[in-house]
Amino acid sequence: MNVNDLMNMNDMYYVGNIIDMDGDGWVTKQEAQAILDELMGDVEDVKPNTSYGDESPAEYKDMLARVGVKI
């Protein structure tokens, strides 16, 4: 995630949905980048874990059965 992925308006970037902060959640671009660097550990282009959700129908039914959902 980088600064360009954040909602922005009038050169202010919204970080209120990724960190708990006092105030309205809008910060400057430099502050937003510093927050992202701290949260992401300076790692760029982190790819999300996409392994979830690729279960076969049988695996999916088994998972639902284990939590008590009847199909």
N, C-alpha and C. Protein backbone atom coordinates (compact mmCIF):
# COMPACT_ATOMS: atom_id res chain seq x y z
N MET A 1 0.86 -1.17 0.00
CA MET A 1 0.00 0.00 0.00
C MET A 1 0.91 1.23 0.00
N ASN A 2 0.51 2.22 -0.77
CA ASN A 2 1.25 3.47 -0.74
C ASN A 2 0.28 4.63 -0.60
N VAL A 3 0.82 5.82 -0.51
CA VAL A 3 0.01 7.01 -0.26
C VAL A 3 -1.07 7.18 -1.33
N ASN A 4 -0.76 6.82 -2.55
CA ASN A 4 -1.74 7.00 -3.64
C ASN A 4 -2.95 6.09 -3.50
N ASP A 5 -2.87 5.06 -2.66
CA ASP A 5 -4.01 4.18 -2.42
C ASP A 5 -5.00 4.77 -1.41
N LEU A 6 -4.58 5.82 -0.70
CA LEU A 6 -5.43 6.42 0.32
C LEU A 6 -6.40 7.42 -0.29
N MET A 7 -7.54 7.60 0.36
CA MET A 7 -8.49 8.62 -0.05
C MET A 7 -7.83 9.98 0.20
N ASN A 8 -7.93 10.87 -0.76
CA ASN A 8 -7.32 12.19 -0.56
C ASN A 8 -8.21 13.28 -1.13
N MET A 9 -8.02 14.46 -0.53
CA MET A 9 -8.78 15.63 -0.96
C MET A 9 -7.97 16.86 -0.56
N ASN A 10 -7.74 17.74 -1.52
CA ASN A 10 -7.02 19.00 -1.27
C ASN A 10 -5.67 18.76 -0.60
N ASP A 11 -4.93 17.78 -1.11
CA ASP A 11 -3.59 17.44 -0.60
C ASP A 11 -3.58 16.94 0.84
N MET A 12 -4.71 16.44 1.31
CA MET A 12 -4.80 15.80 2.63
C MET A 12 -5.21 14.35 2.40
N TYR A 13 -4.64 13.45 3.18
CA TYR A 13 -4.86 12.02 3.00
C TYR A 13 -5.51 11.44 4.24
N TYR A 14 -6.50 10.56 4.01
CA TYR A 14 -7.27 10.00 5.12
C TYR A 14 -6.64 8.69 5.59
N VAL A 15 -6.22 8.65 6.86
CA VAL A 15 -5.64 7.46 7.46
C VAL A 15 -6.46 6.96 8.64
N GLY A 16 -7.60 7.58 8.88
CA GLY A 16 -8.44 7.22 10.01
C GLY A 16 -8.98 5.80 9.95
N ASN A 17 -8.98 5.20 8.76
CA ASN A 17 -9.48 3.83 8.65
C ASN A 17 -8.36 2.79 8.81
N ILE A 18 -7.10 3.23 8.90
CA ILE A 18 -6.02 2.25 9.08
C ILE A 18 -5.31 2.39 10.42
N ILE A 19 -5.48 3.53 11.11
CA ILE A 19 -4.92 3.68 12.45
C ILE A 19 -5.92 4.42 13.32
N ASP A 20 -5.81 4.21 14.62
CA ASP A 20 -6.65 4.90 15.58
C ASP A 20 -5.92 6.18 15.97
N MET A 21 -6.53 7.31 15.71
CA MET A 21 -5.86 8.56 16.01
C MET A 21 -6.84 9.59 16.51
N ASP A 22 -6.33 10.54 17.26
CA ASP A 22 -7.15 11.66 17.71
C ASP A 22 -7.37 12.60 16.53
N GLY A 23 -8.50 13.20 16.47
CA GLY A 23 -8.77 14.14 15.39
C GLY A 23 -9.60 13.50 14.30
N ASP A 24 -9.56 14.10 13.13
CA ASP A 24 -10.44 13.68 12.06
C ASP A 24 -9.85 12.63 11.13
N GLY A 25 -8.57 12.29 11.25
CA GLY A 25 -7.98 11.24 10.42
C GLY A 25 -7.34 11.74 9.14
N TRP A 26 -7.40 13.03 8.87
CA TRP A 26 -6.79 13.60 7.67
C TRP A 26 -5.41 14.13 8.00
N VAL A 27 -4.41 13.75 7.21
CA VAL A 27 -3.03 14.17 7.44
C VAL A 27 -2.40 14.62 6.11
N THR A 28 -1.24 15.23 6.21
CA THR A 28 -0.53 15.63 5.00
C THR A 28 0.05 14.40 4.32
N LYS A 29 0.51 14.57 3.09
CA LYS A 29 1.09 13.46 2.34
C LYS A 29 2.33 12.90 3.06
N GLN A 30 3.16 13.77 3.60
CA GLN A 30 4.36 13.33 4.30
C GLN A 30 4.00 12.54 5.55
N GLU A 31 3.00 13.02 6.30
CA GLU A 31 2.57 12.29 7.50
C GLU A 31 1.97 10.94 7.13
N ALA A 32 1.18 10.92 6.06
CA ALA A 32 0.58 9.67 5.61
C ALA A 32 1.65 8.66 5.21
N GLN A 33 2.67 9.13 4.50
CA GLN A 33 3.76 8.24 4.09
C GLN A 33 4.51 7.70 5.30
N ALA A 34 4.74 8.55 6.30
CA ALA A 34 5.43 8.11 7.52
C ALA A 34 4.60 7.06 8.26
N ILE A 35 3.30 7.26 8.31
CA ILE A 35 2.41 6.29 8.97
C ILE A 35 2.45 4.96 8.22
N LEU A 36 2.36 5.01 6.90
CA LEU A 36 2.40 3.77 6.11
C LEU A 36 3.75 3.07 6.25
N ASP A 37 4.83 3.84 6.25
CA ASP A 37 6.16 3.24 6.42
C ASP A 37 6.25 2.50 7.75
N GLU A 38 5.70 3.12 8.81
CA GLU A 38 5.75 2.49 10.12
C GLU A 38 4.88 1.22 10.16
N LEU A 39 3.69 1.32 9.59
CA LEU A 39 2.78 0.17 9.62
C LEU A 39 3.27 -0.98 8.73
N MET A 40 3.83 -0.64 7.59
CA MET A 40 4.23 -1.66 6.62
C MET A 40 5.68 -2.09 6.81
N GLY A 41 6.39 -1.46 7.69
CA GLY A 41 7.78 -1.82 7.89
C GLY A 41 8.65 -1.48 6.69
N ASP A 42 8.33 -0.39 6.01
CA ASP A 42 9.06 0.06 4.83
C ASP A 42 9.05 -0.96 3.69
N VAL A 43 8.09 -1.87 3.68
CA VAL A 43 7.98 -2.85 2.61
C VAL A 43 7.02 -2.30 1.56
N GLU A 44 7.48 -2.27 0.32
CA GLU A 44 6.62 -1.76 -0.74
C GLU A 44 5.99 -2.90 -1.51
N ASP A 45 4.82 -2.64 -2.03
CA ASP A 45 4.10 -3.61 -2.85
C ASP A 45 3.88 -4.95 -2.15
N VAL A 46 3.41 -4.89 -0.92
CA VAL A 46 3.08 -6.10 -0.18
C VAL A 46 1.85 -6.70 -0.82
N LYS A 47 1.94 -7.97 -1.16
CA LYS A 47 0.82 -8.64 -1.81
C LYS A 47 -0.04 -9.33 -0.75
N PRO A 48 -1.34 -9.21 -0.85
CA PRO A 48 -2.22 -9.85 0.12
C PRO A 48 -2.18 -11.37 0.00
N ASN A 49 -2.51 -12.03 1.09
CA ASN A 49 -2.57 -13.48 1.09
C ASN A 49 -3.82 -13.89 0.32
N THR A 50 -3.62 -14.52 -0.82
CA THR A 50 -4.75 -14.92 -1.66
C THR A 50 -5.06 -16.40 -1.55
N SER A 51 -4.41 -17.08 -0.61
CA SER A 51 -4.64 -18.52 -0.51
C SER A 51 -6.02 -18.82 0.08
N TYR A 52 -6.61 -17.90 0.81
CA TYR A 52 -7.93 -18.11 1.37
C TYR A 52 -8.97 -17.93 0.29
N GLY A 53 -9.92 -18.81 0.24
CA GLY A 53 -11.01 -18.68 -0.71
C GLY A 53 -10.87 -19.55 -1.94
N ASP A 54 -9.78 -20.33 -2.01
CA ASP A 54 -9.61 -21.19 -3.19
C ASP A 54 -9.89 -22.65 -2.86
N GLU A 55 -10.69 -22.88 -1.80
CA GLU A 55 -11.02 -24.24 -1.40
C GLU A 55 -11.97 -24.88 -2.40
N SER A 56 -11.87 -26.18 -2.48
CA SER A 56 -12.80 -26.91 -3.34
C SER A 56 -14.17 -26.92 -2.67
N PRO A 57 -15.23 -27.22 -3.41
CA PRO A 57 -16.56 -27.29 -2.80
C PRO A 57 -16.63 -28.27 -1.62
N ALA A 58 -15.92 -29.39 -1.73
CA ALA A 58 -15.93 -30.37 -0.64
C ALA A 58 -15.25 -29.79 0.60
N GLU A 59 -14.13 -29.09 0.42
CA GLU A 59 -13.43 -28.47 1.55
C GLU A 59 -14.30 -27.40 2.19
N TYR A 60 -14.98 -26.63 1.36
CA TYR A 60 -15.86 -25.58 1.85
C TYR A 60 -17.00 -26.17 2.68
N LYS A 61 -17.61 -27.23 2.18
CA LYS A 61 -18.69 -27.89 2.93
C LYS A 61 -18.18 -28.44 4.24
N ASP A 62 -16.97 -29.01 4.23
CA ASP A 62 -16.38 -29.55 5.46
C ASP A 62 -16.15 -28.43 6.48
N MET A 63 -15.64 -27.28 6.03
CA MET A 63 -15.42 -26.16 6.93
C MET A 63 -16.74 -25.68 7.55
N LEU A 64 -17.78 -25.58 6.73
CA LEU A 64 -19.06 -25.15 7.24
C LEU A 64 -19.63 -26.16 8.23
N ALA A 65 -19.45 -27.44 7.96
CA ALA A 65 -19.94 -28.48 8.87
C ALA A 65 -19.23 -28.40 10.21
N ARG A 66 -17.93 -28.09 10.20
CA ARG A 66 -17.17 -28.00 11.46
C ARG A 66 -17.64 -26.86 12.34
N VAL A 67 -18.20 -25.81 11.76
CA VAL A 67 -18.69 -24.72 12.58
C VAL A 67 -20.20 -24.80 12.81
N GLY A 68 -20.81 -25.89 12.38
CA GLY A 68 -22.21 -26.14 12.67
C GLY A 68 -23.22 -25.66 11.65
N VAL A 69 -22.77 -25.27 10.47
CA VAL A 69 -23.69 -24.82 9.42
C VAL A 69 -24.11 -26.03 8.61
N LYS A 70 -25.41 -26.23 8.52
CA LYS A 70 -25.93 -27.36 7.75
C LYS A 70 -26.27 -26.89 6.35
N ILE A 71 -25.88 -27.66 5.37
CA ILE A 71 -26.12 -27.31 3.97
C ILE A 71 -27.27 -28.15 3.45
